[in-house]
PDB file of N, CA and C in Angstrom:
ATOM      1  N   MET A   1     235.726 184.864 -71.990  1.00  0.00           N
ATOM      2  CA  MET A   1     233.993 183.701 -71.464  1.00  0.00           C
ATOM      3  C   MET A   1     234.795 183.837 -69.626  1.00  0.00           C
ATOM      4  N   LEU A   2     236.086 183.087 -69.465  1.00  0.00           N
ATOM      5  CA  LEU A   2     236.068 183.379 -68.239  1.00  0.00           C
ATOM      6  C   LEU A   2     237.082 184.563 -67.551  1.00  0.00           C
ATOM      7  N   SER A   3     237.330 185.400 -68.297  1.00  0.00           N
ATOM      8  CA  SER A   3     238.015 186.436 -67.949  1.00  0.00           C
ATOM      9  C   SER A   3     237.887 187.056 -66.282  1.00  0.00           C
ATOM     10  N   GLY A   4     236.170 187.373 -66.485  1.00  0.00           N
ATOM     11  CA  GLY A   4     236.255 188.103 -65.325  1.00  0.00           C
ATOM     12  C   GLY A   4     235.817 187.156 -64.206  1.00  0.00           C
ATOM     13  N   ILE A   5     236.390 186.019 -64.050  1.00  0.00           N
ATOM     14  CA  ILE A   5     236.804 185.291 -62.704  1.00  0.00           C
ATOM     15  C   ILE A   5     237.919 185.546 -62.092  1.00  0.00           C
ATOM     16  N   GLY A   6     238.408 185.773 -60.727  1.00  0.00           N
ATOM     17  CA  GLY A   6     239.363 186.316 -60.167  1.00  0.00           C
ATOM     18  C   GLY A   6     240.067 184.784 -59.281  1.00  0.00           C
ATOM     19  N   VAL A   7     241.083 184.905 -59.004  1.00  0.00           N
ATOM     20  CA  VAL A   7     241.613 184.257 -58.330  1.00  0.00           C
ATOM     21  C   VAL A   7     240.776 183.600 -56.974  1.00  0.00           C
ATOM     22  N   SER A   8     240.304 184.465 -56.893  1.00  0.00           N
ATOM     23  CA  SER A   8     238.744 184.007 -55.430  1.00  0.00           C
ATOM     24  C   SER A   8     237.455 183.099 -56.160  1.00  0.00           C
ATOM     25  N   GLY A   9     237.626 183.499 -57.269  1.00  0.00           N
ATOM     26  CA  GLY A   9     236.231 182.987 -57.724  1.00  0.00           C
ATOM     27  C   GLY A   9     236.745 181.360 -58.336  1.00  0.00           C
ATOM     28  N   VAL A  10     237.937 180.842 -58.755  1.00  0.00           N
ATOM     29  CA  VAL A  10     238.411 179.767 -59.178  1.00  0.00           C
ATOM     30  C   VAL A  10     238.546 178.401 -57.707  1.00  0.00           C
ATOM     31  N   ILE A  11     239.338 179.658 -56.799  1.00  0.00           N
ATOM     32  CA  ILE A  11     239.472 179.190 -55.715  1.00  0.00           C
ATOM     33  C   ILE A  11     238.116 178.671 -55.004  1.00  0.00           C
ATOM     34  N   ILE A  12     236.569 179.064 -55.227  1.00  0.00           N
ATOM     35  CA  ILE A  12     235.374 179.148 -54.675  1.00  0.00           C
ATOM     36  C   ILE A  12     235.089 177.594 -55.577  1.00  0.00           C
ATOM     37  N   ILE A  13     235.262 177.693 -57.074  1.00  0.00           N
ATOM     38  CA  ILE A  13     234.904 176.819 -57.427  1.00  0.00           C
ATOM     39  C   ILE A  13     235.805 175.338 -57.456  1.00  0.00           C
ATOM     40  N   ALA A  14     237.123 175.216 -56.963  1.00  0.00           N
ATOM     41  CA  ALA A  14     237.737 174.293 -56.823  1.00  0.00           C
ATOM     42  C   ALA A  14     237.208 173.469 -55.372  1.00  0.00           C
ATOM     43  N   VAL A  15     236.706 174.372 -54.329  1.00  0.00           N
ATOM     44  CA  VAL A  15     236.219 174.039 -52.999  1.00  0.00           C
ATOM     45  C   VAL A  15     234.785 173.283 -53.391  1.00  0.00           C
ATOM     46  N   VAL A  16     233.814 173.869 -54.009  1.00  0.00           N
ATOM     47  CA  VAL A  16     232.689 173.538 -54.599  1.00  0.00           C
ATOM     48  C   VAL A  16     232.897 172.153 -55.321  1.00  0.00           C
ATOM     49  N   ALA A  17     233.683 172.010 -56.134  1.00  0.00           N
ATOM     50  CA  ALA A  17     233.889 171.006 -57.017  1.00  0.00           C
ATOM     51  C   ALA A  17     234.123 169.374 -55.900  1.00  0.00           C
ATOM     52  N   LEU A  18     234.767 169.661 -55.290  1.00  0.00           N
ATOM     53  CA  LEU A  18     235.753 169.007 -54.050  1.00  0.00           C
ATOM     54  C   LEU A  18     234.389 168.524 -53.091  1.00  0.00           C
ATOM     55  N   LEU A  19     234.063 169.519 -52.715  1.00  0.00           N
ATOM     56  CA  LEU A  19     232.514 168.936 -51.517  1.00  0.00           C
ATOM     57  C   LEU A  19     231.909 168.131 -52.945  1.00  0.00           C
ATOM     58  N   LEU A  20     231.623 168.692 -54.194  1.00  0.00           N
ATOM     59  CA  LEU A  20     230.540 167.846 -54.331  1.00  0.00           C
ATOM     60  C   LEU A  20     230.780 166.274 -55.049  1.00  0.00           C
ATOM     61  N   PHE A  21     232.130 166.266 -55.734  1.00  0.00           N
ATOM     62  CA  PHE A  21     232.325 165.010 -56.288  1.00  0.00           C
ATOM     63  C   PHE A  21     233.624 164.493 -55.275  1.00  0.00           C
ATOM     64  N   GLY A  22     234.288 164.814 -54.315  1.00  0.00           N
ATOM     65  CA  GLY A  22     234.791 164.027 -53.488  1.00  0.00           C
ATOM     66  C   GLY A  22     236.665 163.838 -54.302  1.00  0.00           C
ATOM     67  N   PRO A  23     237.432 164.009 -53.188  1.00  0.00           N
ATOM     68  CA  PRO A  23     239.112 163.861 -53.717  1.00  0.00           C
ATOM     69  C   PRO A  23     239.016 162.737 -54.849  1.00  0.00           C
ATOM     70  N   THR A  24     238.472 161.526 -55.013  1.00  0.00           N
ATOM     71  CA  THR A  24     238.911 160.372 -55.630  1.00  0.00           C
ATOM     72  C   THR A  24     238.223 160.776 -57.240  1.00  0.00           C
ATOM     73  N   LYS A  25     236.935 161.602 -57.346  1.00  0.00           N
ATOM     74  CA  LYS A  25     236.253 161.380 -58.525  1.00  0.00           C
ATOM     75  C   LYS A  25     236.786 162.555 -58.997  1.00  0.00           C
ATOM     76  N   LEU A  26     237.271 163.841 -58.655  1.00  0.00           N
ATOM     77  CA  LEU A  26     237.557 164.843 -58.990  1.00  0.00           C
ATOM     78  C   LEU A  26     238.598 164.839 -60.419  1.00  0.00           C
ATOM     79  N   PRO A  27     239.779 163.763 -60.058  1.00  0.00           N
ATOM     80  CA  PRO A  27     240.667 163.539 -61.196  1.00  0.00           C
ATOM     81  C   PRO A  27     240.401 162.691 -62.197  1.00  0.00           C
ATOM     82  N   GLN A  28     239.069 162.068 -62.340  1.00  0.00           N
ATOM     83  CA  GLN A  28     238.493 161.242 -63.238  1.00  0.00           C
ATOM     84  C   GLN A  28     237.631 162.711 -64.155  1.00  0.00           C
ATOM     85  N   LEU A  29     236.825 163.660 -63.526  1.00  0.00           N
ATOM     86  CA  LEU A  29     236.363 164.653 -64.307  1.00  0.00           C
ATOM     87  C   LEU A  29     237.188 165.344 -64.854  1.00  0.00           C
ATOM     88  N   GLY A  30     238.005 165.296 -64.355  1.00  0.00           N
ATOM     89  CA  GLY A  30     239.467 166.333 -64.829  1.00  0.00           C
ATOM     90  C   GLY A  30     239.599 165.904 -66.353  1.00  0.00           C
ATOM     91  N   ARG A  31     239.767 164.270 -65.991  1.00  0.00           N
ATOM     92  CA  ARG A  31     240.424 163.626 -67.447  1.00  0.00           C
ATOM     93  C   ARG A  31     239.165 163.786 -68.503  1.00  0.00           C
ATOM     94  N   ALA A  32     238.291 163.441 -67.970  1.00  0.00           N
ATOM     95  CA  ALA A  32     237.078 163.699 -68.972  1.00  0.00           C
ATOM     96  C   ALA A  32     236.888 164.953 -69.476  1.00  0.00           C
ATOM     97  N   PHE A  33     237.131 165.821 -68.642  1.00  0.00           N
ATOM     98  CA  PHE A  33     236.429 166.919 -69.580  1.00  0.00           C
ATOM     99  C   PHE A  33     237.583 167.428 -70.298  1.00  0.00           C
ATOM    100  N   GLY A  34     239.004 166.494 -69.975  1.00  0.00           N
ATOM    101  CA  GLY A  34     240.314 167.264 -71.102  1.00  0.00           C
ATOM    102  C   GLY A  34     239.358 166.884 -72.435  1.00  0.00           C
ATOM    103  N   THR A  35     239.757 165.241 -72.409  1.00  0.00           N
ATOM    104  CA  THR A  35     239.287 164.796 -73.564  1.00  0.00           C
ATOM    105  C   THR A  35     238.323 164.803 -74.391  1.00  0.00           C
ATOM    106  N   THR A  36     237.216 165.516 -73.529  1.00  0.00           N
ATOM    107  CA  THR A  36     236.140 165.944 -74.218  1.00  0.00           C
ATOM    108  C   THR A  36     236.869 167.389 -75.077  1.00  0.00           C
ATOM    109  N   ILE A  37     237.405 168.281 -74.679  1.00  0.00           N
ATOM    110  CA  ILE A  37     237.855 169.108 -74.910  1.00  0.00           C
ATOM    111  C   ILE A  37     238.560 168.926 -76.494  1.00  0.00           C
ATOM    112  N   LYS A  38     239.300 167.992 -76.273  1.00  0.00           N
ATOM    113  CA  LYS A  38     240.516 168.029 -77.298  1.00  0.00           C
ATOM    114  C   LYS A  38     239.887 167.230 -78.348  1.00  0.00           C
ATOM    115  N   GLU A  39     238.615 166.004 -78.012  1.00  0.00           N
ATOM    116  CA  GLU A  39     237.696 166.032 -79.165  1.00  0.00           C
ATOM    117  C   GLU A  39     236.857 167.033 -80.017  1.00  0.00           C
ATOM    118  N   PHE A  40     236.850 167.810 -79.084  1.00  0.00           N
ATOM    119  CA  PHE A  40     235.645 168.952 -79.499  1.00  0.00           C
ATOM    120  C   PHE A  40     236.645 170.053 -80.537  1.00  0.00           C
ATOM    121  N   ARG A  41     237.506 170.469 -80.236  1.00  0.00           N
ATOM    122  CA  ARG A  41     238.731 170.877 -80.977  1.00  0.00           C
ATOM    123  C   ARG A  41     238.817 170.328 -82.123  1.00  0.00           C
ATOM    124  N   GLN A  42     239.329 168.785 -82.099  1.00  0.00           N
ATOM    125  CA  GLN A  42     239.757 168.305 -83.484  1.00  0.00           C
ATOM    126  C   GLN A  42     238.262 167.746 -84.712  1.00  0.00           C
ATOM    127  N   GLY A  43     237.063 167.927 -83.782  1.00  0.00           N
ATOM    128  CA  GLY A  43     236.243 167.995 -84.548  1.00  0.00           C
ATOM    129  C   GLY A  43     235.761 169.390 -85.396  1.00  0.00           C
ATOM    130  N   THR A  44     236.284 170.242 -84.996  1.00  0.00           N
ATOM    131  CA  THR A  44     236.117 171.801 -85.191  1.00  0.00           C
ATOM    132  C   THR A  44     237.183 171.874 -86.215  1.00  0.00           C
ATOM    133  N   LYS A  45     237.994 171.921 -86.050  1.00  0.00           N
ATOM    134  CA  LYS A  45     239.589 171.835 -87.173  1.00  0.00           C
ATOM    135  C   LYS A  45     239.102 171.131 -88.083  1.00  0.00           C
ATOM    136  N   GLY A  46     238.683 169.776 -88.045  1.00  0.00           N
ATOM    137  CA  GLY A  46     238.071 169.452 -89.514  1.00  0.00           C
ATOM    138  C   GLY A  46     237.234 169.899 -90.111  1.00  0.00           C
ATOM    139  N   LEU A  47     236.230 170.439 -89.819  1.00  0.00           N
ATOM    140  CA  LEU A  47     234.587 170.952 -90.093  1.00  0.00           C
ATOM    141  C   LEU A  47     235.314 172.573 -90.802  1.00  0.00           C
ATOM    142  N   LEU A  48     236.426 173.159 -90.152  1.00  0.00           N
ATOM    143  CA  LEU A  48     236.988 174.348 -90.953  1.00  0.00           C
ATOM    144  C   LEU A  48     237.627 174.002 -91.927  1.00  0.00           C
ATOM    145  N   GLU A  49     238.960 173.068 -92.152  1.00  0.00           N
ATOM    146  CA  GLU A  49     239.505 172.697 -92.897  1.00  0.00           C
ATOM    147  C   GLU A  49     238.826 172.096 -94.229  1.00  0.00           C
ATOM    148  N   GLU A  50     237.410 171.548 -93.706  1.00  0.00           N
ATOM    149  CA  GLU A  50     236.420 171.130 -95.083  1.00  0.00           C
ATOM    150  C   GLU A  50     236.136 172.363 -95.842  1.00  0.00           C
ATOM    151  N   ASP A  51     235.519 173.216 -94.831  1.00  0.00           N
ATOM    152  CA  ASP A  51     234.829 174.413 -95.472  1.00  0.00           C
ATOM    153  C   ASP A  51     236.021 175.511 -96.017  1.00  0.00           C
ATOM    154  N   THR A  52     237.056 175.434 -95.762  1.00  0.00           N
ATOM    155  CA  THR A  52     238.329 176.225 -96.701  1.00  0.00           C
ATOM    156  C   THR A  52     238.387 175.030 -97.896  1.00  0.00           C
ATOM    157  N   VAL A  53     238.455 173.961 -97.980  1.00  0.00           N
ATOM    158  CA  VAL A  53     238.317 173.582 -99.175  1.00  0.00           C
ATOM    159  C   VAL A  53     237.577 173.402-100.145  1.00  0.00           C
ATOM    160  N   LYS A  54     236.203 173.822 -99.337  1.00  0.00           N
ATOM    161  CA  LYS A  54     235.302 174.074-100.590  1.00  0.00           C
ATOM    162  C   LYS A  54     234.820 175.457-100.991  1.00  0.00           C
ATOM    163  N   LYS A  55     235.778 176.541-100.279  1.00  0.00           N
ATOM    164  CA  LYS A  55     235.727 177.892-100.853  1.00  0.00           C
ATOM    165  C   LYS A  55     237.051 177.868-101.505  1.00  0.00           C
ATOM    166  N   GLN A  56     237.999 176.968-101.676  1.00  0.00           N
ATOM    167  CA  GLN A  56     239.127 176.913-102.652  1.00  0.00           C
ATOM    168  C   GLN A  56     238.341 176.495-103.881  1.00  0.00           C
ATOM    169  N   LYS A  57     237.466 175.559-103.596  1.00  0.00           N
ATOM    170  CA  LYS A  57     237.352 174.760-105.043  1.00  0.00           C
ATOM    171  C   LYS A  57     236.084 175.687-105.939  1.00  0.00           C
ATOM    172  N   SER A  58     235.188 176.537-105.414  1.00  0.00           N
ATOM    173  CA  SER A  58     234.327 177.812-105.981  1.00  0.00           C
ATOM    174  C   SER A  58     234.925 178.327-106.323  1.00  0.00           C
ATOM    175  N   GLU A  59     236.338 178.974-105.964  1.00  0.00           N
ATOM    176  CA  GLU A  59     237.046 180.040-106.357  1.00  0.00           C
ATOM    177  C   GLU A  59     237.462 180.000-108.002  1.00  0.00           C
TER     178      GLU A  59
END
């Protein structure tokens, strides 16, 4: 998904984010984003485990 973005693209995105949110809000946004990704992964892992159990029961 992000493989097409080079180093210059990441730098530009970081500068724009810094300008939009400021240096005090940026760490809070990063922390919130990380927590959201972690919860999403845990949720999808739970769904995949349930699906695997259902498949094993039907066999």
